[in-house]
Structures are given as C-alpha cells and as structure tokens.
Amino acid sequence: MNNIVALALLAGGVLLIVIGINATNAFSADATRFLTGSPTDKGIWMLIGGILVAVAGVRETLRSSRAG
C-alpha cells in the first residue's frame, strides 16, 4: 500500500512540474516578466511544490523497496 502512495506522490510531483513549466511559459507570464522583470509567482510555486512532492515520492519509493 505504501508503494502505491509513493508512486502517486511521484506522479503528482511530475504533473505539478509540467503544469509549472507551462505556467511560466504562458503569455500572461511573458507579459508579467516583460513588465516586472521577474516570472509570475504561480509558476514558480508550482515548480517548487512539484519538485518537493516528486522528491518525497522518490524517497518513499526507495524506502519501501528496501524494506520489502
């Protein structure tokens, strides 16, 4: 059961990373970046969250494979 949760975390993290990349490449993000010089917060937080969740999923997957 833990392995399923770990794989779901990994898949969710990858999904958040993809959505974050798309959000940083959107037209509205380009316009904000042009006017302010910095990317939008939404895309950055999605990327950070996705990386953290994916790392947690990988860590749990490795831990559950060693225990079993």
PDB file of N, CA and C in Angstrom:
ATOM      1  N   MET A   1       0.825  -1.206   0.000  1.00  0.00           N
ATOM      2  CA  MET A   1       0.000   0.000   0.000  1.00  0.00           C
ATOM      3  C   MET A   1       0.858   1.254   0.000  1.00  0.00           C
ATOM      4  N   ASN A   2       1.945   1.239   0.760  1.00  0.00           N
ATOM      5  CA  ASN A   2       2.811   2.412   0.806  1.00  0.00           C
ATOM      6  C   ASN A   2       3.456   2.691  -0.543  1.00  0.00           C
ATOM      7  N   ASN A   3       3.719   1.620  -1.292  1.00  0.00           N
ATOM      8  CA  ASN A   3       4.328   1.794  -2.599  1.00  0.00           C
ATOM      9  C   ASN A   3       3.381   2.520  -3.555  1.00  0.00           C
ATOM     10  N   ILE A   4       2.093   2.258  -3.441  1.00  0.00           N
ATOM     11  CA  ILE A   4       1.106   2.932  -4.288  1.00  0.00           C
ATOM     12  C   ILE A   4       1.063   4.422  -3.950  1.00  0.00           C
ATOM     13  N   VAL A   5       1.101   4.740  -2.672  1.00  0.00           N
ATOM     14  CA  VAL A   5       1.094   6.143  -2.252  1.00  0.00           C
ATOM     15  C   VAL A   5       2.369   6.843  -2.724  1.00  0.00           C
ATOM     16  N   ALA A   6       3.501   6.157  -2.623  1.00  0.00           N
ATOM     17  CA  ALA A   6       4.771   6.746  -3.060  1.00  0.00           C
ATOM     18  C   ALA A   6       4.762   7.016  -4.564  1.00  0.00           C
ATOM     19  N   LEU A   7       4.231   6.077  -5.327  1.00  0.00           N
ATOM     20  CA  LEU A   7       4.156   6.281  -6.777  1.00  0.00           C
ATOM     21  C   LEU A   7       3.161   7.391  -7.135  1.00  0.00           C
ATOM     22  N   ALA A   8       2.088   7.506  -6.357  1.00  0.00           N
ATOM     23  CA  ALA A   8       1.131   8.591  -6.584  1.00  0.00           C
ATOM     24  C   ALA A   8       1.777   9.944  -6.284  1.00  0.00           C
ATOM     25  N   LEU A   9       2.588  10.005  -5.221  1.00  0.00           N
ATOM     26  CA  LEU A   9       3.312  11.240  -4.927  1.00  0.00           C
ATOM     27  C   LEU A   9       4.269  11.602  -6.058  1.00  0.00           C
ATOM     28  N   LEU A  10       4.978  10.611  -6.563  1.00  0.00           N
ATOM     29  CA  LEU A  10       5.907  10.851  -7.663  1.00  0.00           C
ATOM     30  C   LEU A  10       5.175  11.348  -8.907  1.00  0.00           C
ATOM     31  N   ALA A  11       4.068  10.702  -9.240  1.00  0.00           N
ATOM     32  CA  ALA A  11       3.293  11.118 -10.415  1.00  0.00           C
ATOM     33  C   ALA A  11       2.710  12.519 -10.217  1.00  0.00           C
ATOM     34  N   GLY A  12       2.217  12.800  -9.023  1.00  0.00           N
ATOM     35  CA  GLY A  12       1.686  14.137  -8.739  1.00  0.00           C
ATOM     36  C   GLY A  12       2.760  15.206  -8.820  1.00  0.00           C
ATOM     37  N   GLY A  13       3.955  14.880  -8.343  1.00  0.00           N
ATOM     38  CA  GLY A  13       5.061  15.832  -8.427  1.00  0.00           C
ATOM     39  C   GLY A  13       5.454  16.132  -9.864  1.00  0.00           C
ATOM     40  N   VAL A  14       5.517  15.093 -10.681  1.00  0.00           N
ATOM     41  CA  VAL A  14       5.848  15.294 -12.096  1.00  0.00           C
ATOM     42  C   VAL A  14       4.766  16.124 -12.774  1.00  0.00           C
ATOM     43  N   LEU A  15       3.508  15.851 -12.438  1.00  0.00           N
ATOM     44  CA  LEU A  15       2.404  16.622 -13.001  1.00  0.00           C
ATOM     45  C   LEU A  15       2.496  18.096 -12.607  1.00  0.00           C
ATOM     46  N   LEU A  16       2.798  18.370 -11.336  1.00  0.00           N
ATOM     47  CA  LEU A  16       2.952  19.761 -10.898  1.00  0.00           C
ATOM     48  C   LEU A  16       4.120  20.453 -11.594  1.00  0.00           C
ATOM     49  N   ILE A  17       5.199  19.721 -11.825  1.00  0.00           N
ATOM     50  CA  ILE A  17       6.344  20.300 -12.534  1.00  0.00           C
ATOM     51  C   ILE A  17       5.950  20.677 -13.963  1.00  0.00           C
ATOM     52  N   VAL A  18       5.230  19.788 -14.636  1.00  0.00           N
ATOM     53  CA  VAL A  18       4.803  20.062 -16.015  1.00  0.00           C
ATOM     54  C   VAL A  18       3.861  21.264 -16.052  1.00  0.00           C
ATOM     55  N   ILE A  19       2.906  21.309 -15.123  1.00  0.00           N
ATOM     56  CA  ILE A  19       1.982  22.443 -15.076  1.00  0.00           C
ATOM     57  C   ILE A  19       2.734  23.734 -14.747  1.00  0.00           C
ATOM     58  N   GLY A  20       3.711  23.653 -13.845  1.00  0.00           N
ATOM     59  CA  GLY A  20       4.511  24.834 -13.510  1.00  0.00           C
ATOM     60  C   GLY A  20       5.319  25.343 -14.686  1.00  0.00           C
ATOM     61  N   ILE A  21       5.880  24.428 -15.459  1.00  0.00           N
ATOM     62  CA  ILE A  21       6.637  24.835 -16.656  1.00  0.00           C
ATOM     63  C   ILE A  21       5.709  25.504 -17.659  1.00  0.00           C
ATOM     64  N   ASN A  22       4.520  24.921 -17.848  1.00  0.00           N
ATOM     65  CA  ASN A  22       3.555  25.528 -18.764  1.00  0.00           C
ATOM     66  C   ASN A  22       3.107  26.897 -18.263  1.00  0.00           C
ATOM     67  N   ALA A  23       2.951  27.051 -16.947  1.00  0.00           N
ATOM     68  CA  ALA A  23       2.525  28.330 -16.391  1.00  0.00           C
ATOM     69  C   ALA A  23       3.600  29.400 -16.562  1.00  0.00           C
ATOM     70  N   THR A  24       4.875  29.009 -16.478  1.00  0.00           N
ATOM     71  CA  THR A  24       5.937  30.002 -16.655  1.00  0.00           C
ATOM     72  C   THR A  24       6.124  30.370 -18.119  1.00  0.00           C
ATOM     73  N   ASN A  25       5.664  29.515 -19.031  1.00  0.00           N
ATOM     74  CA  ASN A  25       5.792  29.807 -20.464  1.00  0.00           C
ATOM     75  C   ASN A  25       4.523  30.390 -21.068  1.00  0.00           C
ATOM     76  N   ALA A  26       3.520  30.660 -20.262  1.00  0.00           N
ATOM     77  CA  ALA A  26       2.257  31.206 -20.770  1.00  0.00           C
ATOM     78  C   ALA A  26       2.433  32.663 -21.192  1.00  0.00           C
ATOM     79  N   PHE A  27       1.511  33.139 -22.008  1.00  0.00           N
ATOM     80  CA  PHE A  27       1.590  34.516 -22.497  1.00  0.00           C
ATOM     81  C   PHE A  27       1.497  35.520 -21.356  1.00  0.00           C
ATOM     82  N   SER A  28       0.612  35.259 -20.397  1.00  0.00           N
ATOM     83  CA  SER A  28       0.477  36.192 -19.278  1.00  0.00           C
ATOM     84  C   SER A  28       1.759  36.242 -18.440  1.00  0.00           C
ATOM     85  N   ALA A  29       2.436  35.115 -18.314  1.00  0.00           N
ATOM     86  CA  ALA A  29       3.706  35.097 -17.593  1.00  0.00           C
ATOM     87  C   ALA A  29       4.770  35.877 -18.370  1.00  0.00           C
ATOM     88  N   ASP A  30       4.744  35.754 -19.694  1.00  0.00           N
ATOM     89  CA  ASP A  30       5.689  36.519 -20.516  1.00  0.00           C
ATOM     90  C   ASP A  30       5.437  38.020 -20.386  1.00  0.00           C
ATOM     91  N   ALA A  31       4.162  38.412 -20.374  1.00  0.00           N
ATOM     92  CA  ALA A  31       3.842  39.835 -20.228  1.00  0.00           C
ATOM     93  C   ALA A  31       4.270  40.348 -18.857  1.00  0.00           C
ATOM     94  N   THR A  32       4.017  39.570 -17.816  1.00  0.00           N
ATOM     95  CA  THR A  32       4.436  39.972 -16.471  1.00  0.00           C
ATOM     96  C   THR A  32       5.951  40.046 -16.378  1.00  0.00           C
ATOM     97  N   ARG A  33       6.627  39.067 -16.957  1.00  0.00           N
ATOM     98  CA  ARG A  33       8.093  39.059 -16.948  1.00  0.00           C
ATOM     99  C   ARG A  33       8.638  40.270 -17.701  1.00  0.00           C
ATOM    100  N   PHE A  34       7.992  40.666 -18.798  1.00  0.00           N
ATOM    101  CA  PHE A  34       8.434  41.826 -19.565  1.00  0.00           C
ATOM    102  C   PHE A  34       8.250  43.118 -18.769  1.00  0.00           C
ATOM    103  N   LEU A  35       7.123  43.228 -18.068  1.00  0.00           N
ATOM    104  CA  LEU A  35       6.837  44.461 -17.338  1.00  0.00           C
ATOM    105  C   LEU A  35       7.566  44.566 -16.005  1.00  0.00           C
ATOM    106  N   THR A  36       7.697  43.447 -15.299  1.00  0.00           N
ATOM    107  CA  THR A  36       8.303  43.497 -13.966  1.00  0.00           C
ATOM    108  C   THR A  36       9.722  42.965 -13.917  1.00  0.00           C
ATOM    109  N   GLY A  37      10.099  42.168 -14.888  1.00  0.00           N
ATOM    110  CA  GLY A  37      11.433  41.597 -14.898  1.00  0.00           C
ATOM    111  C   GLY A  37      11.551  40.296 -14.120  1.00  0.00           C
ATOM    112  N   SER A  38      10.465  39.831 -13.531  1.00  0.00           N
ATOM    113  CA  SER A  38      10.502  38.569 -12.792  1.00  0.00           C
ATOM    114  C   SER A  38       9.325  37.697 -13.209  1.00  0.00           C
ATOM    115  N   PRO A  39       9.495  36.372 -13.143  1.00  0.00           N
ATOM    116  CA  PRO A  39       8.394  35.485 -13.523  1.00  0.00           C
ATOM    117  C   PRO A  39       7.257  35.540 -12.516  1.00  0.00           C
ATOM    118  N   THR A  40       6.105  35.035 -12.917  1.00  0.00           N
ATOM    119  CA  THR A  40       4.946  35.041 -12.028  1.00  0.00           C
ATOM    120  C   THR A  40       5.160  34.076 -10.868  1.00  0.00           C
ATOM    121  N   ASP A  41       4.517  34.366  -9.755  1.00  0.00           N
ATOM    122  CA  ASP A  41       4.661  33.531  -8.571  1.00  0.00           C
ATOM    123  C   ASP A  41       4.001  32.169  -8.746  1.00  0.00           C
ATOM    124  N   LYS A  42       2.918  32.117  -9.504  1.00  0.00           N
ATOM    125  CA  LYS A  42       2.176  30.860  -9.673  1.00  0.00           C
ATOM    126  C   LYS A  42       3.066  29.772 -10.264  1.00  0.00           C
ATOM    127  N   GLY A  43       3.755  30.084 -11.325  1.00  0.00           N
ATOM    128  CA  GLY A  43       4.609  29.096 -11.973  1.00  0.00           C
ATOM    129  C   GLY A  43       5.760  28.654 -11.097  1.00  0.00           C
ATOM    130  N   ILE A  44       6.345  29.598 -10.386  1.00  0.00           N
ATOM    131  CA  ILE A  44       7.473  29.282  -9.508  1.00  0.00           C
ATOM    132  C   ILE A  44       7.024  28.372  -8.368  1.00  0.00           C
ATOM    133  N   TRP A  45       5.882  28.694  -7.742  1.00  0.00           N
ATOM    134  CA  TRP A  45       5.391  27.863  -6.630  1.00  0.00           C
ATOM    135  C   TRP A  45       4.977  26.481  -7.103  1.00  0.00           C
ATOM    136  N   MET A  46       4.442  26.373  -8.304  1.00  0.00           N
ATOM    137  CA  MET A  46       4.094  25.064  -8.853  1.00  0.00           C
ATOM    138  C   MET A  46       5.358  24.228  -9.073  1.00  0.00           C
ATOM    139  N   LEU A  47       6.406  24.857  -9.595  1.00  0.00           N
ATOM    140  CA  LEU A  47       7.661  24.140  -9.804  1.00  0.00           C
ATOM    141  C   LEU A  47       8.270  23.690  -8.483  1.00  0.00           C
ATOM    142  N   ILE A  48       8.313  24.578  -7.506  1.00  0.00           N
ATOM    143  CA  ILE A  48       8.884  24.232  -6.207  1.00  0.00           C
ATOM    144  C   ILE A  48       8.080  23.115  -5.552  1.00  0.00           C
ATOM    145  N   GLY A  49       6.761  23.244  -5.569  1.00  0.00           N
ATOM    146  CA  GLY A  49       5.912  22.208  -4.986  1.00  0.00           C
ATOM    147  C   GLY A  49       6.063  20.875  -5.700  1.00  0.00           C
ATOM    148  N   GLY A  50       6.129  20.918  -7.011  1.00  0.00           N
ATOM    149  CA  GLY A  50       6.296  19.694  -7.787  1.00  0.00           C
ATOM    150  C   GLY A  50       7.611  19.000  -7.502  1.00  0.00           C
ATOM    151  N   ILE A  51       8.667  19.777  -7.374  1.00  0.00           N
ATOM    152  CA  ILE A  51       9.975  19.198  -7.062  1.00  0.00           C
ATOM    153  C   ILE A  51       9.951  18.555  -5.677  1.00  0.00           C
ATOM    154  N   LEU A  52       9.372  19.248  -4.701  1.00  0.00           N
ATOM    155  CA  LEU A  52       9.318  18.708  -3.341  1.00  0.00           C
ATOM    156  C   LEU A  52       8.483  17.426  -3.276  1.00  0.00           C
ATOM    157  N   VAL A  53       7.340  17.427  -3.941  1.00  0.00           N
ATOM    158  CA  VAL A  53       6.477  16.239  -3.922  1.00  0.00           C
ATOM    159  C   VAL A  53       7.142  15.084  -4.673  1.00  0.00           C
ATOM    160  N   ALA A  54       7.792  15.365  -5.792  1.00  0.00           N
ATOM    161  CA  ALA A  54       8.460  14.313  -6.549  1.00  0.00           C
ATOM    162  C   ALA A  54       9.621  13.717  -5.752  1.00  0.00           C
ATOM    163  N   VAL A  55      10.375  14.559  -5.064  1.00  0.00           N
ATOM    164  CA  VAL A  55      11.470  14.058  -4.232  1.00  0.00           C
ATOM    165  C   VAL A  55      10.924  13.188  -3.100  1.00  0.00           C
ATOM    166  N   ALA A  56       9.826  13.614  -2.491  1.00  0.00           N
ATOM    167  CA  ALA A  56       9.205  12.807  -1.437  1.00  0.00           C
ATOM    168  C   ALA A  56       8.733  11.467  -1.999  1.00  0.00           C
ATOM    169  N   GLY A  57       8.186  11.460  -3.196  1.00  0.00           N
ATOM    170  CA  GLY A  57       7.748  10.217  -3.821  1.00  0.00           C
ATOM    171  C   GLY A  57       8.902   9.278  -4.124  1.00  0.00           C
ATOM    172  N   VAL A  58      10.000   9.824  -4.628  1.00  0.00           N
ATOM    173  CA  VAL A  58      11.181   9.000  -4.905  1.00  0.00           C
ATOM    174  C   VAL A  58      11.747   8.441  -3.606  1.00  0.00           C
ATOM    175  N   ARG A  59      11.815   9.268  -2.576  1.00  0.00           N
ATOM    176  CA  ARG A  59      12.354   8.837  -1.289  1.00  0.00           C
ATOM    177  C   ARG A  59      11.505   7.706  -0.707  1.00  0.00           C
ATOM    178  N   GLU A  60      10.205   7.859  -0.749  1.00  0.00           N
ATOM    179  CA  GLU A  60       9.313   6.816  -0.219  1.00  0.00           C
ATOM    180  C   GLU A  60       9.358   5.548  -1.064  1.00  0.00           C
ATOM    181  N   THR A  61       9.500   5.693  -2.371  1.00  0.00           N
ATOM    182  CA  THR A  61       9.609   4.530  -3.239  1.00  0.00           C
ATOM    183  C   THR A  61      10.875   3.746  -2.924  1.00  0.00           C
ATOM    184  N   LEU A  62      11.980   4.455  -2.744  1.00  0.00           N
ATOM    185  CA  LEU A  62      13.240   3.772  -2.419  1.00  0.00           C
ATOM    186  C   LEU A  62      13.181   3.139  -1.037  1.00  0.00           C
ATOM    187  N   ARG A  63      12.563   3.824  -0.087  1.00  0.00           N
ATOM    188  CA  ARG A  63      12.474   3.288   1.267  1.00  0.00           C
ATOM    189  C   ARG A  63      11.595   2.037   1.295  1.00  0.00           C
ATOM    190  N   SER A  64      10.475   2.052   0.568  1.00  0.00           N
ATOM    191  CA  SER A  64       9.585   0.891   0.571  1.00  0.00           C
ATOM    192  C   SER A  64      10.188  -0.284  -0.191  1.00  0.00           C
ATOM    193  N   SER A  65      11.022  -0.014  -1.202  1.00  0.00           N
ATOM    194  CA  SER A  65      11.641  -1.120  -1.942  1.00  0.00           C
ATOM    195  C   SER A  65      12.755  -1.773  -1.111  1.00  0.00           C
ATOM    196  N   ARG A  66      13.424  -1.011  -0.257  1.00  0.00           N
ATOM    197  CA  ARG A  66      14.468  -1.585   0.602  1.00  0.00           C
ATOM    198  C   ARG A  66      13.864  -2.374   1.754  1.00  0.00           C
ATOM    199  N   ALA A  67      12.703  -1.921   2.247  1.00  0.00           N
ATOM    200  CA  ALA A  67      12.073  -2.600   3.391  1.00  0.00           C
ATOM    201  C   ALA A  67      11.468  -3.942   2.985  1.00  0.00           C
ATOM    202  N   GLY A  68      11.036  -4.046   1.740  1.00  0.00           N
ATOM    203  CA  GLY A  68      10.334  -5.255   1.300  1.00  0.00           C
ATOM    204  C   GLY A  68      11.216  -6.247   0.725  1.00  0.00           C
TER     205      GLY A  68
END
